[in-house]
Amino acid sequence: MNRKRRSVLHANVDLVPMIDIVFQLILFFLVSTTFAVLPGINLNLPDSSTAQANPSAGITITARSNGDLWFNKTMVTLEQLDENLSSFDTNGRERDKYPVNLEADSDVTNGTIVHIFDVLRKNGFSAVNLRTTEQK
């Protein structure tokens, strides 16, 4: 008697293509996500009842109460700030309308802020925003 052998089907699910697609989706979302750029300098900003959020585009000058002065992310002296501002490229925009954000500790002296304003005006920058925190 001849018996037919039944072939047993083994169903296998190949997960490699699914893993490839999930990996590509993760990479796409990581690359296309924008991250908020937060300043790396800790400041005790003064309070203001009329504080408004300003865009962070433009130049950021930071003054700390210990005398440190920062031009964007570079620590500078007042003389170096003058040099950096004089050679700064505004990409064709007028200097008097180019935004400058001034961040200063609440303990920074008025004289330091006046010196910074003098350097800014000397180099043609007059659109200065003073960064503060909202008063509670």
N, C-alpha and C. Protein backbone atom coordinates (compact mmCIF):
# COMPACT_ATOMS: atom_id res chain seq x y z
N MET A 1 0.81 -1.16 0.00
CA MET A 1 0.00 0.00 0.00
C MET A 1 0.87 1.25 0.00
N ASN A 2 0.59 2.07 -0.89
CA ASN A 2 1.34 3.31 -1.00
C ASN A 2 0.63 4.41 -0.21
N ARG A 3 1.36 4.94 0.66
CA ARG A 3 0.80 6.06 1.42
C ARG A 3 1.46 7.35 0.94
N LYS A 4 0.63 8.32 0.79
CA LYS A 4 1.17 9.63 0.39
C LYS A 4 1.59 10.39 1.63
N ARG A 5 2.74 10.90 1.50
CA ARG A 5 3.20 11.72 2.62
C ARG A 5 2.63 13.12 2.47
N ARG A 6 2.12 13.57 3.54
CA ARG A 6 1.60 14.94 3.53
C ARG A 6 2.75 15.90 3.86
N SER A 7 2.89 16.86 3.03
CA SER A 7 3.95 17.83 3.31
C SER A 7 3.42 18.84 4.32
N VAL A 8 4.16 19.04 5.33
CA VAL A 8 3.77 19.96 6.39
C VAL A 8 4.28 21.36 6.02
N LEU A 9 3.36 22.28 5.99
CA LEU A 9 3.72 23.66 5.70
C LEU A 9 4.12 24.37 6.99
N HIS A 10 5.27 24.95 6.96
CA HIS A 10 5.71 25.75 8.10
C HIS A 10 5.65 27.21 7.67
N ALA A 11 4.77 27.93 8.34
CA ALA A 11 4.61 29.35 8.01
C ALA A 11 5.58 30.16 8.86
N ASN A 12 6.44 30.90 8.22
CA ASN A 12 7.38 31.77 8.91
C ASN A 12 7.08 33.21 8.53
N VAL A 13 7.10 34.06 9.52
CA VAL A 13 6.90 35.48 9.27
C VAL A 13 8.28 36.13 9.32
N ASP A 14 8.64 36.76 8.23
CA ASP A 14 9.94 37.42 8.15
C ASP A 14 9.79 38.84 8.69
N LEU A 15 10.43 39.14 9.79
CA LEU A 15 10.30 40.44 10.45
C LEU A 15 11.35 41.46 9.98
N VAL A 16 12.29 41.05 9.21
CA VAL A 16 13.37 41.95 8.80
C VAL A 16 12.85 43.15 8.00
N PRO A 17 11.95 42.97 7.02
CA PRO A 17 11.46 44.16 6.30
C PRO A 17 10.69 45.13 7.22
N MET A 18 9.94 44.60 8.17
CA MET A 18 9.21 45.46 9.08
C MET A 18 10.18 46.25 9.97
N ILE A 19 11.21 45.60 10.44
CA ILE A 19 12.21 46.27 11.28
C ILE A 19 12.92 47.36 10.47
N ASP A 20 13.21 47.10 9.21
CA ASP A 20 13.83 48.11 8.34
C ASP A 20 12.93 49.34 8.21
N ILE A 21 11.65 49.13 7.98
CA ILE A 21 10.72 50.26 7.82
C ILE A 21 10.60 51.05 9.12
N VAL A 22 10.49 50.39 10.25
CA VAL A 22 10.39 51.08 11.54
C VAL A 22 11.66 51.88 11.80
N PHE A 23 12.80 51.31 11.50
CA PHE A 23 14.07 52.02 11.69
C PHE A 23 14.13 53.27 10.81
N GLN A 24 13.69 53.16 9.57
CA GLN A 24 13.69 54.32 8.68
C GLN A 24 12.71 55.38 9.16
N LEU A 25 11.57 54.99 9.70
CA LEU A 25 10.62 55.96 10.24
C LEU A 25 11.21 56.69 11.45
N ILE A 26 11.88 55.95 12.31
CA ILE A 26 12.51 56.58 13.47
C ILE A 26 13.56 57.58 13.02
N LEU A 27 14.39 57.21 12.05
CA LEU A 27 15.41 58.14 11.55
C LEU A 27 14.77 59.37 10.92
N PHE A 28 13.70 59.18 10.17
CA PHE A 28 13.03 60.32 9.54
C PHE A 28 12.53 61.30 10.59
N PHE A 29 11.87 60.80 11.63
CA PHE A 29 11.33 61.69 12.65
C PHE A 29 12.43 62.34 13.48
N LEU A 30 13.52 61.65 13.70
CA LEU A 30 14.64 62.26 14.42
C LEU A 30 15.27 63.39 13.63
N VAL A 31 15.43 63.19 12.33
CA VAL A 31 16.06 64.20 11.50
C VAL A 31 15.14 65.40 11.26
N SER A 32 13.85 65.15 11.13
CA SER A 32 12.93 66.23 10.79
C SER A 32 12.43 67.00 12.01
N THR A 33 12.74 66.55 13.20
CA THR A 33 12.29 67.24 14.42
C THR A 33 13.20 68.42 14.69
N THR A 34 12.60 69.55 15.03
CA THR A 34 13.39 70.73 15.41
C THR A 34 13.45 70.78 16.93
N PHE A 35 14.60 71.10 17.43
CA PHE A 35 14.80 71.16 18.86
C PHE A 35 14.95 72.62 19.28
N ALA A 36 14.41 72.95 20.42
CA ALA A 36 14.54 74.30 20.95
C ALA A 36 15.97 74.52 21.40
N VAL A 37 16.54 75.63 20.98
CA VAL A 37 17.90 75.97 21.38
C VAL A 37 17.81 76.87 22.61
N LEU A 38 18.29 76.36 23.71
CA LEU A 38 18.24 77.12 24.95
C LEU A 38 19.63 77.62 25.29
N PRO A 39 19.70 78.82 25.84
CA PRO A 39 21.03 79.33 26.18
C PRO A 39 21.68 78.49 27.26
N GLY A 40 22.99 78.35 27.17
CA GLY A 40 23.72 77.56 28.13
C GLY A 40 24.28 78.37 29.28
N ILE A 41 23.93 79.64 29.37
CA ILE A 41 24.44 80.51 30.40
C ILE A 41 23.31 80.77 31.38
N ASN A 42 23.53 80.45 32.65
CA ASN A 42 22.50 80.67 33.66
C ASN A 42 22.49 82.12 34.09
N LEU A 43 21.32 82.74 34.00
CA LEU A 43 21.18 84.14 34.36
C LEU A 43 20.02 84.31 35.33
N ASN A 44 20.11 85.33 36.13
CA ASN A 44 19.01 85.74 36.98
C ASN A 44 18.44 87.01 36.35
N LEU A 45 17.56 86.83 35.36
CA LEU A 45 17.02 87.97 34.61
C LEU A 45 16.09 88.79 35.49
N PRO A 46 16.05 90.10 35.29
CA PRO A 46 15.13 90.93 36.06
C PRO A 46 13.68 90.66 35.67
N ASP A 47 12.77 90.87 36.61
CA ASP A 47 11.34 90.69 36.36
C ASP A 47 10.75 91.93 35.70
N SER A 48 9.72 91.71 34.88
CA SER A 48 9.03 92.81 34.23
C SER A 48 7.56 92.43 34.09
N SER A 49 6.68 93.37 34.37
CA SER A 49 5.25 93.09 34.23
C SER A 49 4.82 93.18 32.77
N THR A 50 5.64 93.73 31.91
CA THR A 50 5.30 93.87 30.49
C THR A 50 6.18 93.01 29.61
N ALA A 51 6.75 91.95 30.16
CA ALA A 51 7.66 91.08 29.41
C ALA A 51 6.93 90.42 28.26
N GLN A 52 7.59 90.34 27.10
CA GLN A 52 7.04 89.70 25.92
C GLN A 52 8.07 88.74 25.36
N ALA A 53 7.56 87.69 24.73
CA ALA A 53 8.47 86.73 24.09
C ALA A 53 8.98 87.33 22.80
N ASN A 54 10.29 87.29 22.62
CA ASN A 54 10.92 87.79 21.39
C ASN A 54 11.57 86.63 20.67
N PRO A 55 11.57 86.66 19.35
CA PRO A 55 12.28 85.59 18.64
C PRO A 55 13.77 85.64 18.95
N SER A 56 14.41 84.48 18.94
CA SER A 56 15.82 84.43 19.30
C SER A 56 16.75 84.65 18.11
N ALA A 57 16.19 85.05 16.96
CA ALA A 57 17.02 85.29 15.79
C ALA A 57 17.84 86.56 16.00
N GLY A 58 18.99 86.61 15.41
CA GLY A 58 19.84 87.78 15.52
C GLY A 58 21.01 87.54 16.45
N ILE A 59 21.52 88.63 17.00
CA ILE A 59 22.68 88.58 17.89
C ILE A 59 22.20 88.51 19.33
N THR A 60 22.86 87.70 20.13
CA THR A 60 22.56 87.65 21.56
C THR A 60 23.82 88.03 22.33
N ILE A 61 23.69 89.06 23.15
CA ILE A 61 24.79 89.50 24.00
C ILE A 61 24.37 89.24 25.44
N THR A 62 25.21 88.54 26.18
CA THR A 62 24.89 88.15 27.55
C THR A 62 25.92 88.74 28.49
N ALA A 63 25.44 89.40 29.54
CA ALA A 63 26.32 89.97 30.56
C ALA A 63 25.97 89.34 31.90
N ARG A 64 26.98 88.81 32.58
CA ARG A 64 26.77 88.20 33.89
C ARG A 64 27.27 89.13 34.98
N SER A 65 26.77 88.92 36.17
CA SER A 65 27.13 89.81 37.28
C SER A 65 28.60 89.69 37.67
N ASN A 66 29.26 88.57 37.33
CA ASN A 66 30.68 88.42 37.67
C ASN A 66 31.60 89.08 36.63
N GLY A 67 31.02 89.74 35.63
CA GLY A 67 31.81 90.46 34.63
C GLY A 67 31.98 89.73 33.32
N ASP A 68 31.52 88.47 33.24
CA ASP A 68 31.61 87.73 31.97
C ASP A 68 30.71 88.36 30.93
N LEU A 69 31.20 88.41 29.70
CA LEU A 69 30.44 88.97 28.58
C LEU A 69 30.50 87.96 27.44
N TRP A 70 29.35 87.68 26.85
CA TRP A 70 29.25 86.66 25.80
C TRP A 70 28.67 87.28 24.54
N PHE A 71 29.27 86.98 23.40
CA PHE A 71 28.74 87.36 22.09
C PHE A 71 28.26 86.06 21.45
N ASN A 72 26.95 85.89 21.35
CA ASN A 72 26.33 84.62 20.97
C ASN A 72 26.84 83.53 21.90
N LYS A 73 27.66 82.62 21.45
CA LYS A 73 28.15 81.55 22.33
C LYS A 73 29.62 81.68 22.66
N THR A 74 30.21 82.85 22.37
CA THR A 74 31.64 83.05 22.56
C THR A 74 31.87 84.07 23.68
N MET A 75 32.71 83.71 24.63
CA MET A 75 33.06 84.63 25.71
C MET A 75 34.03 85.67 25.17
N VAL A 76 33.71 86.95 25.41
CA VAL A 76 34.51 88.05 24.87
C VAL A 76 34.73 89.12 25.94
N THR A 77 35.66 90.01 25.64
CA THR A 77 35.81 91.23 26.42
C THR A 77 35.04 92.33 25.70
N LEU A 78 34.98 93.50 26.30
CA LEU A 78 34.28 94.62 25.66
C LEU A 78 34.96 95.02 24.35
N GLU A 79 36.29 94.96 24.30
CA GLU A 79 37.03 95.29 23.08
C GLU A 79 36.78 94.25 21.99
N GLN A 80 36.75 92.97 22.39
CA GLN A 80 36.47 91.91 21.42
C GLN A 80 35.02 92.00 20.92
N LEU A 81 34.10 92.42 21.78
CA LEU A 81 32.72 92.62 21.36
C LEU A 81 32.65 93.68 20.27
N ASP A 82 33.41 94.76 20.45
CA ASP A 82 33.46 95.81 19.45
C ASP A 82 33.99 95.27 18.12
N GLU A 83 35.05 94.46 18.17
CA GLU A 83 35.61 93.87 16.94
C GLU A 83 34.62 92.91 16.28
N ASN A 84 33.96 92.08 17.08
CA ASN A 84 33.00 91.12 16.53
C ASN A 84 31.81 91.82 15.89
N LEU A 85 31.34 92.88 16.51
CA LEU A 85 30.20 93.62 15.95
C LEU A 85 30.59 94.36 14.68
N SER A 86 31.81 94.91 14.63
CA SER A 86 32.23 95.65 13.44
C SER A 86 32.41 94.73 12.24
N SER A 87 32.78 93.47 12.48
CA SER A 87 32.97 92.54 11.36
C SER A 87 31.78 91.60 11.16
N PHE A 88 30.69 91.81 11.89
CA PHE A 88 29.54 90.90 11.81
C PHE A 88 28.79 91.11 10.49
N ASP A 89 28.46 90.00 9.81
CA ASP A 89 27.74 90.04 8.54
C ASP A 89 26.25 89.90 8.81
N THR A 90 25.47 90.91 8.44
CA THR A 90 24.02 90.90 8.67
C THR A 90 23.25 90.34 7.48
N ASN A 91 23.93 89.71 6.55
CA ASN A 91 23.30 89.10 5.36
C ASN A 91 22.45 90.10 4.57
N GLY A 92 22.97 91.28 4.38
CA GLY A 92 22.30 92.29 3.56
C GLY A 92 21.28 93.12 4.29
N ARG A 93 20.96 92.81 5.53
CA ARG A 93 20.00 93.61 6.28
C ARG A 93 20.68 94.84 6.85
N GLU A 94 19.90 95.88 7.03
CA GLU A 94 20.45 97.11 7.60
C GLU A 94 20.80 96.87 9.06
N ARG A 95 21.93 97.39 9.47
CA ARG A 95 22.40 97.17 10.85
C ARG A 95 21.46 97.78 11.88
N ASP A 96 20.87 98.93 11.56
CA ASP A 96 20.01 99.57 12.56
C ASP A 96 18.69 98.82 12.78
N LYS A 97 18.36 97.87 11.88
CA LYS A 97 17.14 97.08 12.04
C LYS A 97 17.43 95.62 12.38
N TYR A 98 18.70 95.27 12.46
CA TYR A 98 19.08 93.89 12.77
C TYR A 98 18.84 93.64 14.26
N PRO A 99 18.12 92.57 14.63
CA PRO A 99 17.76 92.37 16.05
C PRO A 99 18.95 91.96 16.92
N VAL A 100 19.04 92.62 18.06
CA VAL A 100 20.06 92.31 19.05
C VAL A 100 19.33 92.07 20.37
N ASN A 101 19.56 90.91 20.98
CA ASN A 101 18.97 90.58 22.28
C ASN A 101 20.03 90.75 23.35
N LEU A 102 19.74 91.59 24.33
CA LEU A 102 20.67 91.82 25.43
C LEU A 102 20.12 91.13 26.67
N GLU A 103 20.88 90.15 27.17
CA GLU A 103 20.51 89.42 28.38
C GLU A 103 21.50 89.83 29.45
N ALA A 104 21.00 90.30 30.58
CA ALA A 104 21.89 90.72 31.65
C ALA A 104 21.30 90.28 32.99
N ASP A 105 22.19 89.80 33.88
CA ASP A 105 21.76 89.49 35.24
C ASP A 105 21.14 90.73 35.86
N SER A 106 20.27 90.50 36.82
CA SER A 106 19.65 91.64 37.49
C SER A 106 20.67 92.40 38.34
N ASP A 107 21.83 91.78 38.62
CA ASP A 107 22.88 92.43 39.43
C ASP A 107 23.94 93.13 38.58
N VAL A 108 23.82 93.10 37.26
CA VAL A 108 24.79 93.78 36.39
C VAL A 108 24.60 95.29 36.57
N THR A 109 25.72 95.99 36.68
CA THR A 109 25.64 97.43 36.93
C THR A 109 25.13 98.18 35.69
N ASN A 110 24.56 99.31 35.94
CA ASN A 110 24.07 100.16 34.87
C ASN A 110 25.22 100.61 33.97
N GLY A 111 26.39 100.82 34.54
CA GLY A 111 27.55 101.23 33.75
C GLY A 111 27.94 100.19 32.71
N THR A 112 27.87 98.90 33.07
CA THR A 112 28.20 97.85 32.11
C THR A 112 27.21 97.84 30.96
N ILE A 113 25.93 97.99 31.27
CA ILE A 113 24.90 98.01 30.23
C ILE A 113 25.08 99.22 29.32
N VAL A 114 25.44 100.36 29.90
CA VAL A 114 25.67 101.57 29.10
C VAL A 114 26.86 101.36 28.17
N HIS A 115 27.94 100.72 28.65
CA HIS A 115 29.10 100.43 27.79
C HIS A 115 28.71 99.52 26.63
N ILE A 116 27.88 98.52 26.91
CA ILE A 116 27.42 97.61 25.84
C ILE A 116 26.60 98.38 24.82
N PHE A 117 25.69 99.25 25.30
CA PHE A 117 24.90 100.06 24.37
C PHE A 117 25.77 100.99 23.54
N ASP A 118 26.82 101.55 24.14
CA ASP A 118 27.74 102.41 23.39
C ASP A 118 28.41 101.64 22.25
N VAL A 119 28.87 100.41 22.55
CA VAL A 119 29.52 99.59 21.52
C VAL A 119 28.51 99.24 20.43
N LEU A 120 27.28 98.93 20.81
CA LEU A 120 26.26 98.60 19.82
C LEU A 120 25.97 99.80 18.90
N ARG A 121 25.76 100.96 19.50
CA ARG A 121 25.46 102.16 18.70
C ARG A 121 26.65 102.55 17.81
N LYS A 122 27.86 102.40 18.33
CA LYS A 122 29.07 102.72 17.56
C LYS A 122 29.14 101.87 16.29
N ASN A 123 28.64 100.63 16.36
CA ASN A 123 28.67 99.73 15.21
C ASN A 123 27.38 99.73 14.42
N GLY A 124 26.44 100.64 14.72
CA GLY A 124 25.25 100.82 13.91
C GLY A 124 24.05 99.97 14.31
N PHE A 125 24.11 99.26 15.41
CA PHE A 125 22.99 98.43 15.85
C PHE A 125 22.13 99.23 16.83
N SER A 126 20.84 99.35 16.52
CA SER A 126 19.97 100.10 17.43
C SER A 126 18.69 99.35 17.79
N ALA A 127 18.41 98.23 17.16
CA ALA A 127 17.21 97.45 17.47
C ALA A 127 17.54 96.45 18.57
N VAL A 128 17.59 96.95 19.82
CA VAL A 128 18.02 96.13 20.95
C VAL A 128 16.82 95.76 21.80
N ASN A 129 16.70 94.47 22.10
CA ASN A 129 15.66 93.96 23.00
C ASN A 129 16.33 93.57 24.31
N LEU A 130 15.77 94.06 25.41
CA LEU A 130 16.27 93.68 26.73
C LEU A 130 15.47 92.48 27.19
N ARG A 131 16.15 91.39 27.46
CA ARG A 131 15.45 90.15 27.84
C ARG A 131 15.17 90.18 29.33
N THR A 132 13.92 89.89 29.69
CA THR A 132 13.49 89.83 31.08
C THR A 132 12.62 88.60 31.29
N THR A 133 12.25 88.36 32.54
CA THR A 133 11.29 87.29 32.83
C THR A 133 9.98 87.91 33.24
N GLU A 134 8.91 87.17 33.06
CA GLU A 134 7.58 87.68 33.37
C GLU A 134 7.40 87.76 34.89
N GLN A 135 6.90 88.89 35.34
CA GLN A 135 6.68 89.11 36.76
C GLN A 135 5.46 88.32 37.20
N LYS A 136 5.60 87.65 38.33
CA LYS A 136 4.48 86.82 38.82
C LYS A 136 3.69 87.51 39.88
